[in-house]
Protein backbone atom coordinates (compact mmCIF):
# COMPACT_ATOMS: atom_id res chain seq x y z
CA MET A 1 159.49 119.92 100.47
CA PRO A 2 158.20 118.30 103.63
CA THR A 3 158.79 115.00 104.69
CA GLY A 4 158.78 114.07 108.16
CA ASN A 5 156.00 112.27 109.74
CA VAL A 6 154.16 110.33 106.64
CA LEU A 7 151.16 108.15 105.59
CA ILE A 8 151.15 105.80 103.36
CA THR A 9 147.86 104.55 102.31
CA GLY A 10 148.40 100.53 100.93
CA ALA A 11 151.47 100.07 102.49
CA SER A 12 150.66 96.30 102.85
CA GLY A 13 152.65 95.99 99.70
CA GLY A 14 153.28 96.93 96.65
CA ILE A 15 154.38 100.34 95.77
CA GLY A 16 153.49 101.12 99.58
CA GLN A 17 155.60 99.15 101.32
CA SER A 18 158.73 99.78 99.25
CA LEU A 19 157.45 103.79 99.70
CA ALA A 20 157.46 102.58 103.41
CA LEU A 21 160.59 100.84 103.04
CA HIS A 22 162.79 104.06 101.81
CA TYR A 23 161.53 106.24 104.13
CA ALA A 24 161.96 104.08 107.29
CA GLU A 25 164.74 105.40 109.02
CA PRO A 26 165.13 106.43 113.14
CA GLY A 27 163.71 109.69 114.17
CA ARG A 28 160.75 109.16 111.64
CA THR A 29 157.20 108.35 112.35
CA LEU A 30 154.99 105.86 109.24
CA VAL A 31 151.60 106.00 109.83
CA LEU A 32 150.77 103.06 107.42
CA TRP A 33 147.50 102.23 106.46
CA GLY A 34 146.28 98.45 104.50
CA ARG A 35 143.47 96.00 104.35
CA ASN A 36 145.54 92.93 104.44
CA VAL A 37 146.95 92.74 108.43
CA GLN A 38 149.01 89.88 108.19
CA ARG A 39 151.37 91.97 104.78
CA LEU A 40 150.79 95.19 106.87
CA GLU A 41 152.86 93.85 109.62
CA ASP A 42 155.31 92.57 107.93
CA THR A 43 155.78 95.62 106.11
CA ALA A 44 155.64 97.41 109.38
CA ARG A 45 158.41 95.39 111.25
CA LEU A 46 160.79 95.69 108.09
CA CYS A 47 160.23 99.51 108.81
CA ARG A 48 161.14 99.38 112.77
CA ASP A 49 163.90 97.63 111.69
CA ARG A 50 165.51 100.19 110.08
CA GLY A 51 164.73 102.34 113.17
CA ALA A 52 160.99 104.02 112.12
CA HIS A 53 158.39 103.99 114.64
CA VAL A 54 155.91 102.65 113.39
CA VAL A 55 152.00 102.52 113.72
CA THR A 56 149.75 100.40 111.49
CA ARG A 57 145.54 100.60 110.58
CA GLU A 58 143.41 97.99 108.68
CA ILE A 59 141.41 100.21 106.73
CA ASP A 60 139.73 99.50 103.45
CA LEU A 61 139.37 103.03 101.81
CA ALA A 62 135.84 101.62 100.25
CA ASP A 63 134.54 102.75 103.69
CA GLY A 64 135.27 106.52 102.74
CA LYS A 65 133.86 108.42 106.14
CA ALA A 66 135.33 105.73 108.44
CA SER A 67 138.48 106.88 106.71
CA LEU A 68 137.94 109.88 107.15
CA ALA A 69 137.48 109.66 111.05
CA ALA A 70 140.41 107.49 110.69
CA LEU A 71 143.09 109.85 108.82
CA ARG A 72 141.55 112.86 111.69
CA THR A 73 142.30 110.49 114.43
CA ASP A 74 145.98 109.07 112.97
CA ASP A 75 147.02 112.55 112.43
CA GLY A 76 146.13 114.08 116.20
CA THR A 77 148.45 111.27 117.47
CA VAL A 78 150.56 111.78 114.99
CA PRO A 79 151.00 115.23 112.68
CA LEU A 80 151.28 113.96 109.43
CA GLN A 81 153.81 116.23 107.18
CA THR A 82 153.53 114.23 103.81
CA VAL A 83 150.63 112.22 102.80
CA ILE A 84 151.14 109.58 100.32
CA LEU A 85 147.54 108.05 99.00
CA CYS A 86 148.74 104.78 97.39
CA ALA A 87 146.11 102.52 98.32
CA GLY A 88 143.61 101.33 94.60
CA LEU A 89 141.74 99.36 92.89
CA SER A 90 142.29 98.01 89.10
CA ASP A 91 139.60 95.55 87.55
CA MET A 92 138.29 95.89 84.03
CA LYS A 93 135.50 93.95 82.10
CA LYS A 94 136.29 90.53 81.16
CA VAL A 95 136.20 89.27 78.02
CA SER A 96 133.57 86.63 78.73
CA GLU A 97 131.18 90.06 79.87
CA LYS A 98 128.94 91.91 78.13
CA VAL A 99 129.40 95.59 80.30
CA GLU A 100 131.41 95.87 83.45
CA GLN A 101 129.99 94.85 86.92
CA ALA A 102 128.90 98.09 88.07
CA GLU A 103 129.77 97.52 92.07
CA MET A 104 133.01 96.75 90.72
CA VAL A 105 132.83 100.78 88.65
CA LEU A 106 131.20 101.98 92.38
CA GLU A 107 134.24 100.19 94.30
CA LEU A 108 136.91 101.62 91.94
CA GLY A 109 135.45 105.10 91.42
CA LEU A 110 135.30 105.18 96.13
CA VAL A 111 139.16 103.62 96.34
CA ASN A 112 140.19 105.17 93.12
CA TYR A 113 138.61 109.15 93.49
CA ALA A 114 136.28 109.54 95.58
CA THR A 115 138.18 108.39 99.21
CA PRO A 116 141.50 109.81 98.08
CA ALA A 117 140.09 113.24 96.82
CA ALA A 118 138.37 113.30 100.47
CA LEU A 119 141.47 112.79 101.99
CA THR A 120 143.37 114.85 100.42
CA MET A 121 141.16 117.72 101.70
CA ALA A 122 141.10 116.69 105.70
CA ALA A 123 144.87 116.07 105.67
CA ALA A 124 145.03 119.34 103.75
CA GLU A 125 142.78 120.99 106.70
CA ARG A 126 144.99 120.43 109.32
CA MET A 127 148.33 120.44 107.12
CA GLN A 128 147.49 124.32 106.45
CA ALA A 129 147.21 125.02 109.81
CA ARG A 130 150.76 124.08 111.08
CA GLY A 131 152.49 126.03 108.18
CA GLY A 132 152.05 123.06 105.25
CA GLY A 133 153.02 120.01 103.75
CA ALA A 134 152.97 117.78 100.74
CA ILE A 135 150.38 115.31 98.98
CA ALA A 136 151.26 112.82 96.24
CA LEU A 137 147.81 111.04 94.89
CA ILE A 138 148.80 108.06 92.86
CA GLY A 139 147.08 108.03 89.67
CA SER A 140 147.82 105.74 86.29
CA VAL A 141 148.73 106.18 82.85
CA ALA A 142 145.08 105.28 82.74
CA ALA A 143 143.55 108.52 82.83
CA PHE A 144 144.64 109.64 80.14
CA HIS A 145 143.27 107.10 77.41
CA ASP A 146 139.92 105.86 76.74
CA LEU A 147 140.01 102.15 77.45
CA PRO A 148 136.84 100.22 76.59
CA PHE A 149 137.35 97.29 78.72
CA ALA A 150 138.04 99.52 81.91
CA ALA A 151 135.69 102.95 81.82
CA GLY A 152 135.92 102.37 85.74
CA TYR A 153 139.16 102.43 85.95
CA GLY A 154 140.14 104.83 83.92
CA GLY A 155 137.42 107.04 84.55
CA SER A 156 137.78 107.22 88.31
CA LYS A 157 141.69 107.33 87.66
CA ALA A 158 140.39 110.56 85.02
CA GLY A 159 138.83 111.99 88.07
CA LEU A 160 141.62 111.71 90.46
CA ALA A 161 143.60 113.44 88.05
CA ARG A 162 141.44 116.33 87.43
CA PHE A 163 140.49 116.34 91.25
CA ALA A 164 144.59 116.77 91.99
CA SER A 165 145.36 119.65 89.19
CA SER A 166 142.76 121.83 90.50
CA ALA A 167 143.39 121.05 94.15
CA ARG A 168 147.24 122.32 93.86
CA ILE A 169 146.02 125.40 92.58
CA ALA A 170 144.09 125.78 95.49
CA LEU A 171 145.34 124.74 98.19
CA ALA A 172 149.00 126.17 96.99
CA PRO A 173 148.47 129.57 99.01
CA LEU A 174 148.45 127.61 102.36
CA GLY A 175 151.69 125.82 101.98
CA VAL A 176 150.30 122.21 101.02
CA HIS A 177 151.92 120.94 97.88
CA VAL A 178 149.36 118.36 95.76
CA SER A 179 151.22 116.29 93.00
CA LEU A 180 149.80 113.55 90.50
CA ILE A 181 152.08 110.29 89.91
CA ALA A 182 150.70 108.58 87.37
CA PRO A 183 152.73 105.10 86.76
CA GLY A 184 152.63 103.15 83.63
CA PHE A 185 152.80 98.91 84.63
CA VAL A 186 153.67 98.32 87.81
CA ASP A 187 155.15 94.70 88.75
CA THR A 188 152.94 93.85 91.72
CA ALA A 189 150.71 91.96 92.24
CA MET A 190 148.15 94.35 91.49
CA SER A 191 149.54 94.34 87.55
CA GLN A 192 150.20 90.91 87.51
CA ARG A 193 146.44 89.75 87.25
CA ILE A 194 146.93 91.32 83.71
CA VAL A 195 146.44 88.15 81.39
CA GLY A 196 148.75 89.87 78.43
CA PRO A 197 151.45 92.14 77.77
CA ARG A 198 152.69 94.68 80.49
CA PRO A 199 154.97 96.87 78.20
CA PHE A 200 157.88 98.66 80.27
CA LEU A 201 156.93 97.03 82.96
CA VAL A 202 158.77 98.98 86.26
CA THR A 203 159.99 97.49 89.83
CA PRO A 204 157.34 98.63 92.45
CA ASP A 205 160.92 100.38 94.20
CA GLN A 206 161.71 102.12 90.96
CA ALA A 207 158.37 103.67 91.36
CA ALA A 208 159.01 104.65 94.94
CA ARG A 209 162.24 106.29 93.67
CA HIS A 210 160.24 108.31 91.20
CA ILE A 211 157.25 109.40 93.93
CA ILE A 212 159.84 110.83 96.38
CA ALA A 213 162.07 112.70 93.87
CA ALA A 214 158.63 114.17 92.04
CA ILE A 215 156.86 115.15 96.54
CA ALA A 216 161.04 116.20 97.38
CA LYS A 217 160.89 118.58 94.46
CA ASP A 218 157.11 119.25 93.82
CA ARG A 219 155.97 118.27 90.94
CA ALA A 220 152.72 118.69 89.17
CA GLU A 221 152.76 115.79 87.29
CA VAL A 222 155.02 112.89 86.79
CA ILE A 223 154.45 110.09 84.22
CA PHE A 224 157.06 107.27 83.84
CA PRO A 225 158.06 105.41 82.23
CA TRP A 226 158.78 107.84 79.93
CA PRO A 227 157.20 105.94 76.63
CA PHE A 228 153.66 106.79 78.51
CA ARG A 229 154.88 110.67 78.14
CA VAL A 230 154.95 110.10 74.38
CA LEU A 231 152.02 108.04 74.38
CA ARG A 232 149.74 110.40 75.78
CA LEU A 233 151.21 113.08 73.79
CA ILE A 234 149.92 111.14 70.52
CA ASP A 235 146.49 110.22 72.00
CA ARG A 236 145.73 114.17 72.97
CA LEU A 237 146.89 114.88 68.80
CA THR A 238 144.98 112.18 67.19
CA PRO A 239 141.63 113.09 65.80
CA ARG A 240 139.08 111.59 68.12
CA PRO A 241 137.59 109.23 65.69
CA LEU A 242 140.78 108.39 64.47
CA ARG A 243 141.12 107.89 68.47
CA GLU A 244 138.16 105.57 68.85
CA ALA A 245 138.35 103.53 66.14
CA ILE A 246 141.49 102.23 67.52
CA MET A 247 140.57 102.05 70.84
CA SER A 248 137.66 99.43 69.88
CA ARG A 249 140.05 97.56 68.39
CA VAL A 250 141.79 97.32 71.71
CA ASN A 251 141.22 93.97 74.52
CA ALA A 252 142.36 93.15 77.72
CA ASP A 253 141.52 90.49 79.99
CA GLN A 254 142.27 90.07 84.04
CA LYS A 255 142.71 87.13 86.29
CA PRO A 256 140.25 87.16 89.66
CA ARG A 257 141.12 88.43 92.84
């Protein structure tokens, strides 16, 4: 499967940084996007030390039109064979709140679903003209469960999951391969905000290896670690009234960004 020149969003830390370091090697160009300029430059420096040519861009995926313009500009300079849409936000209703904040839900929808979906099609349009490419969308196991304290987050990832499965079918005849990656808890700054346990926690490096393997093998969907595949099956087999009764008793909290 294509690797070549690689675009990674969310490359200023966490999974995105680990992916960049795995892909960094002589002869490869990495296009790294992130919101934090200093951390993004730290990632770029580490990748350059490994011999890669690196282009960076400070950008917030909450601005969808700017993100589309940026992809087309960067692809015009560095034709992209692999695009990994890794940037995301994780927020939930605080225990002290009655409902999720409307503005937060809107931002989650833009960053986690709408902009990555639009970027997928923008990248695919360029890739198909060159014979194809690979696009990986980083979702979450939260997409597969009804989380009453995180309807905005889970809903944004569920939308991304359905988009990915549909886009995979639509773009395959054009030589563009789409994969959905749905991790559980990854030990990043985002998950470290969660108050409470993070079962089956994996490192960003472990997550990056799963993602790279999924792209290389053209996997339609990858869920990791394995206990979350079991939980998804259980969720599917549980009658809705029972599932709702169980999930209505689940709660969580999160530290501020």
